[in-house]
Amino acid sequence: EHKVLLTGTPLQNTVEELFSLLNFLEPDRFPSESTFMQEFGDLKTEEQVQKLQGILKPMMLRRLKEDVEKNLAPKEETIIEVELTNVQKKYYRAILEKNFAFLSKSGGGGGGGGGGGSNVPNLLNTMMELRKCCNHPYLINGAEEKIMEEFRESHPLDHPEFHLQAMIQAAGKLVLIDKLLPKLKAGGHRVLIFSQMVRCLDILEDYLIQRR
């Protein structure tokens, strides 16, 4: 009797998910999730990691794309650092200043019973707002209207690309994309753009529609 599992990421999100796979493969060897989690739930030490790797090694056959498809060209990765626009810098500072008291308190470490665990959601929310700002400030609630008002003060409203230019000049990444896409298109390239934020893709869709 054979059991086969096909997965792209054995340890995708949590150790609990890995236990489910092991329990399916060898229920007699891995009968208890609580026992498994007591041993591997936090994975804080190198010893725990090595022990878990030892468990997985005899039952996992790993194949990379280059092992299977020999015709694949090697991946080339170019990281381009993009400076924040003045608009982004303003919102970035505002987010930090708004959360300054909380961030200062969190930075004190574990002393005083202030509670690191209870602060995690607030810290994650702050980090998410900063990520939104770095991608495009339109992702921040209420920011688009304010940015449009400020842009209107220095640009004529009857400009044919008023809304498009306001959108582009608000975010450094979009400024770069606006420069790159025409050159790539002229060179006969095809472009795929990925983002972890669906709303960021919505902004890109608006940009592409207006750029035609």
Protein backbone atom coordinates (compact mmCIF):
# COMPACT_ATOMS: atom_id res chain seq x y z
CA GLU A 1 0.00 0.00 0.00
CA HIS A 2 1.31 3.43 -0.92
CA LYS A 3 0.32 6.94 0.04
CA VAL A 4 1.42 9.87 -2.09
CA LEU A 5 1.28 13.59 -1.32
CA LEU A 6 2.15 16.20 -3.91
CA THR A 7 2.82 19.67 -2.54
CA GLY A 8 4.76 22.72 -3.64
CA THR A 9 5.44 23.86 -0.08
CA PRO A 10 5.45 21.20 2.68
CA LEU A 11 5.84 23.86 5.36
CA GLN A 12 3.52 26.43 3.86
CA ASN A 13 2.15 28.46 6.74
CA THR A 14 2.24 26.63 10.07
CA VAL A 15 3.73 23.57 11.71
CA GLU A 16 0.16 22.34 12.25
CA GLU A 17 -0.21 21.97 8.47
CA LEU A 18 2.98 19.91 8.35
CA PHE A 19 1.62 17.64 11.09
CA SER A 20 -1.51 17.04 8.99
CA LEU A 21 0.65 15.79 6.12
CA LEU A 22 2.74 13.55 8.38
CA ASN A 23 -0.36 12.19 10.12
CA PHE A 24 -1.83 11.28 6.74
CA LEU A 25 1.35 9.52 5.65
CA GLU A 26 2.14 7.72 8.90
CA PRO A 27 -0.72 7.97 11.41
CA ASP A 28 0.83 5.39 13.73
CA ARG A 29 4.08 7.33 13.98
CA PHE A 30 2.39 10.75 14.26
CA PRO A 31 -0.89 10.13 16.13
CA SER A 32 -0.99 13.23 18.35
CA GLU A 33 -0.90 16.82 17.18
CA SER A 34 -0.41 18.13 20.72
CA THR A 35 2.69 15.96 21.22
CA PHE A 36 4.07 17.04 17.85
CA MET A 37 3.46 20.72 18.62
CA GLN A 38 5.11 20.45 22.03
CA GLU A 39 8.27 19.27 20.31
CA PHE A 40 8.26 21.39 17.13
CA GLY A 41 5.63 24.10 17.63
CA ASP A 42 8.02 27.02 18.07
CA LEU A 43 11.08 25.83 16.06
CA LYS A 44 13.33 28.20 17.95
CA THR A 45 16.50 26.12 18.10
CA GLU A 46 18.80 24.67 15.46
CA GLU A 47 18.43 21.28 17.14
CA GLN A 48 14.66 21.32 16.59
CA VAL A 49 15.09 22.26 12.93
CA GLN A 50 17.66 19.53 12.33
CA LYS A 51 15.50 16.93 14.04
CA LEU A 52 12.49 17.90 11.92
CA GLN A 53 14.62 17.79 8.77
CA GLY A 54 15.71 14.28 9.77
CA ILE A 55 12.07 13.21 10.03
CA LEU A 56 11.18 14.64 6.62
CA LYS A 57 14.25 13.51 4.67
CA PRO A 58 13.40 9.80 4.21
CA MET A 59 9.84 10.49 3.13
CA MET A 60 10.23 13.57 0.95
CA LEU A 61 11.50 13.59 -2.64
CA ARG A 62 12.25 17.16 -3.67
CA ARG A 63 12.63 18.25 -7.26
CA LEU A 64 13.47 21.78 -8.35
CA LYS A 65 12.35 23.21 -11.67
CA GLU A 66 15.87 23.06 -13.04
CA ASP A 67 16.02 19.33 -12.18
CA VAL A 68 12.89 18.57 -14.20
CA GLU A 69 12.97 21.06 -17.08
CA LYS A 70 16.47 21.35 -18.46
CA ASN A 71 15.47 23.94 -21.07
CA LEU A 72 14.55 26.58 -18.49
CA ALA A 73 16.84 29.57 -18.66
CA PRO A 74 18.35 30.57 -15.32
CA LYS A 75 16.38 33.22 -13.47
CA GLU A 76 17.90 36.67 -13.54
CA GLU A 77 16.89 38.95 -10.70
CA THR A 78 17.55 42.68 -10.71
CA ILE A 79 16.57 44.66 -7.64
CA ILE A 80 15.93 48.34 -8.30
CA GLU A 81 15.79 50.62 -5.29
CA VAL A 82 13.17 53.33 -5.72
CA GLU A 83 13.11 56.50 -3.68
CA LEU A 84 9.86 57.54 -2.03
CA THR A 85 8.18 60.60 -3.47
CA ASN A 86 7.65 63.66 -1.29
CA VAL A 87 4.00 62.65 -0.90
CA GLN A 88 5.01 59.19 0.33
CA LYS A 89 7.59 60.63 2.73
CA LYS A 90 4.94 62.89 4.22
CA TYR A 91 2.50 60.04 4.80
CA TYR A 92 5.27 57.74 6.05
CA ARG A 93 6.28 60.31 8.67
CA ALA A 94 2.64 60.88 9.60
CA ILE A 95 2.09 57.15 10.20
CA LEU A 96 5.18 56.95 12.40
CA GLU A 97 4.28 60.10 14.34
CA LYS A 98 0.71 58.89 14.84
CA ASN A 99 2.04 55.65 16.35
CA PHE A 100 5.11 57.13 18.04
CA ALA A 101 3.90 56.59 21.60
CA PHE A 102 3.02 52.96 20.90
CA LEU A 103 6.26 52.26 19.01
CA SER A 104 8.36 53.80 21.79
CA LYS A 105 6.57 51.66 24.35
CA SER A 106 6.98 48.52 22.25
CA GLY A 107 10.67 49.15 21.77
CA GLY A 108 11.32 48.76 25.48
CA GLY A 109 11.50 44.97 25.24
CA GLY A 110 9.85 42.56 27.60
CA GLY A 111 10.32 44.43 30.86
CA GLY A 112 7.66 45.99 33.07
CA GLY A 113 4.81 43.71 32.10
CA GLY A 114 3.74 46.06 29.32
CA GLY A 115 2.95 42.97 27.36
CA GLY A 116 4.67 42.26 24.08
CA GLY A 117 1.96 39.85 22.95
CA SER A 118 -0.90 42.32 23.26
CA ASN A 119 1.06 44.88 21.22
CA VAL A 120 1.58 42.59 18.24
CA PRO A 121 -1.71 43.48 16.44
CA ASN A 122 -0.96 47.22 16.75
CA LEU A 123 2.56 46.71 15.46
CA LEU A 124 1.31 44.64 12.52
CA ASN A 125 -1.29 47.30 11.68
CA THR A 126 1.40 49.99 11.70
CA MET A 127 3.67 47.89 9.49
CA MET A 128 0.82 47.28 7.06
CA GLU A 129 0.09 51.01 6.78
CA LEU A 130 3.77 51.66 6.08
CA ARG A 131 3.77 48.95 3.39
CA LYS A 132 0.72 50.56 1.79
CA CYS A 133 2.48 53.91 1.81
CA CYS A 134 5.59 52.44 0.15
CA ASN A 135 3.52 50.78 -2.59
CA HIS A 136 1.16 53.68 -3.27
CA PRO A 137 -0.36 56.23 -0.83
CA TYR A 138 -3.76 55.82 -2.54
CA LEU A 139 -3.97 52.56 -0.55
CA ILE A 140 -4.28 54.60 2.66
CA ASN A 141 -7.88 55.47 3.51
CA GLY A 142 -8.72 59.06 2.58
CA ALA A 143 -5.31 59.79 1.07
CA GLU A 144 -6.35 59.90 -2.59
CA GLU A 145 -8.73 62.83 -2.12
CA LYS A 146 -6.17 64.85 -0.15
CA ILE A 147 -3.41 64.13 -2.66
CA MET A 148 -5.68 65.21 -5.52
CA GLU A 149 -6.48 68.47 -3.72
CA GLU A 150 -2.79 69.27 -3.22
CA PHE A 151 -1.97 68.29 -6.81
CA ARG A 152 -4.75 70.58 -8.04
CA GLU A 153 -3.05 73.57 -6.37
CA SER A 154 0.02 73.24 -8.60
CA HIS A 155 -1.51 71.82 -11.80
CA PRO A 156 -4.38 73.05 -13.97
CA LEU A 157 -7.49 70.93 -13.54
CA ASP A 158 -8.18 70.99 -17.29
CA HIS A 159 -4.88 69.23 -18.02
CA PRO A 160 -5.75 66.20 -20.19
CA GLU A 161 -3.77 63.81 -17.96
CA PHE A 162 -4.50 65.48 -14.62
CA HIS A 163 -5.71 62.38 -12.76
CA LEU A 164 -3.11 60.13 -14.39
CA GLN A 165 -0.19 62.40 -13.48
CA ALA A 166 -1.45 62.79 -9.92
CA MET A 167 -1.54 59.00 -9.62
CA ILE A 168 1.93 58.52 -11.10
CA GLN A 169 3.71 61.27 -9.22
CA ALA A 170 2.32 60.10 -5.88
CA ALA A 171 4.37 56.88 -5.84
CA GLY A 172 8.00 56.18 -6.67
CA LYS A 173 7.27 52.67 -7.91
CA LEU A 174 4.67 53.95 -10.36
CA VAL A 175 7.08 56.62 -11.59
CA LEU A 176 9.55 53.82 -12.38
CA ILE A 177 6.89 51.64 -14.02
CA ASP A 178 5.78 54.57 -16.16
CA LYS A 179 9.37 54.92 -17.44
CA LEU A 180 10.03 51.19 -17.88
CA LEU A 181 6.88 49.98 -19.65
CA PRO A 182 7.23 52.06 -22.84
CA LYS A 183 10.87 50.96 -23.22
CA LEU A 184 10.02 47.29 -22.63
CA LYS A 185 7.11 47.45 -25.05
CA ALA A 186 9.29 49.08 -27.70
CA GLY A 187 11.77 46.24 -27.24
CA GLY A 188 9.11 43.61 -27.87
CA HIS A 189 9.01 42.39 -24.27
CA ARG A 190 5.98 41.12 -22.39
CA VAL A 191 5.53 42.17 -18.78
CA LEU A 192 3.90 40.51 -15.79
CA ILE A 193 3.42 42.60 -12.65
CA PHE A 194 2.84 40.89 -9.31
CA SER A 195 1.68 42.40 -6.05
CA GLN A 196 0.67 40.98 -2.68
CA MET A 197 -2.06 43.62 -2.45
CA VAL A 198 -5.12 43.31 -4.68
CA ARG A 199 -5.89 47.01 -4.25
CA CYS A 200 -2.43 47.83 -5.56
CA LEU A 201 -3.28 45.88 -8.72
CA ASP A 202 -6.50 47.91 -8.95
CA ILE A 203 -4.42 51.10 -9.01
CA LEU A 204 -2.19 49.61 -11.71
CA GLU A 205 -5.28 48.70 -13.70
CA ASP A 206 -6.50 52.31 -13.53
CA TYR A 207 -3.06 53.50 -14.59
CA LEU A 208 -2.92 51.13 -17.58
CA ILE A 209 -6.44 52.05 -18.71
CA GLN A 210 -5.57 55.73 -18.69
CA ARG A 211 -2.23 55.10 -20.39
CA ARG A 212 -3.91 52.82 -22.96
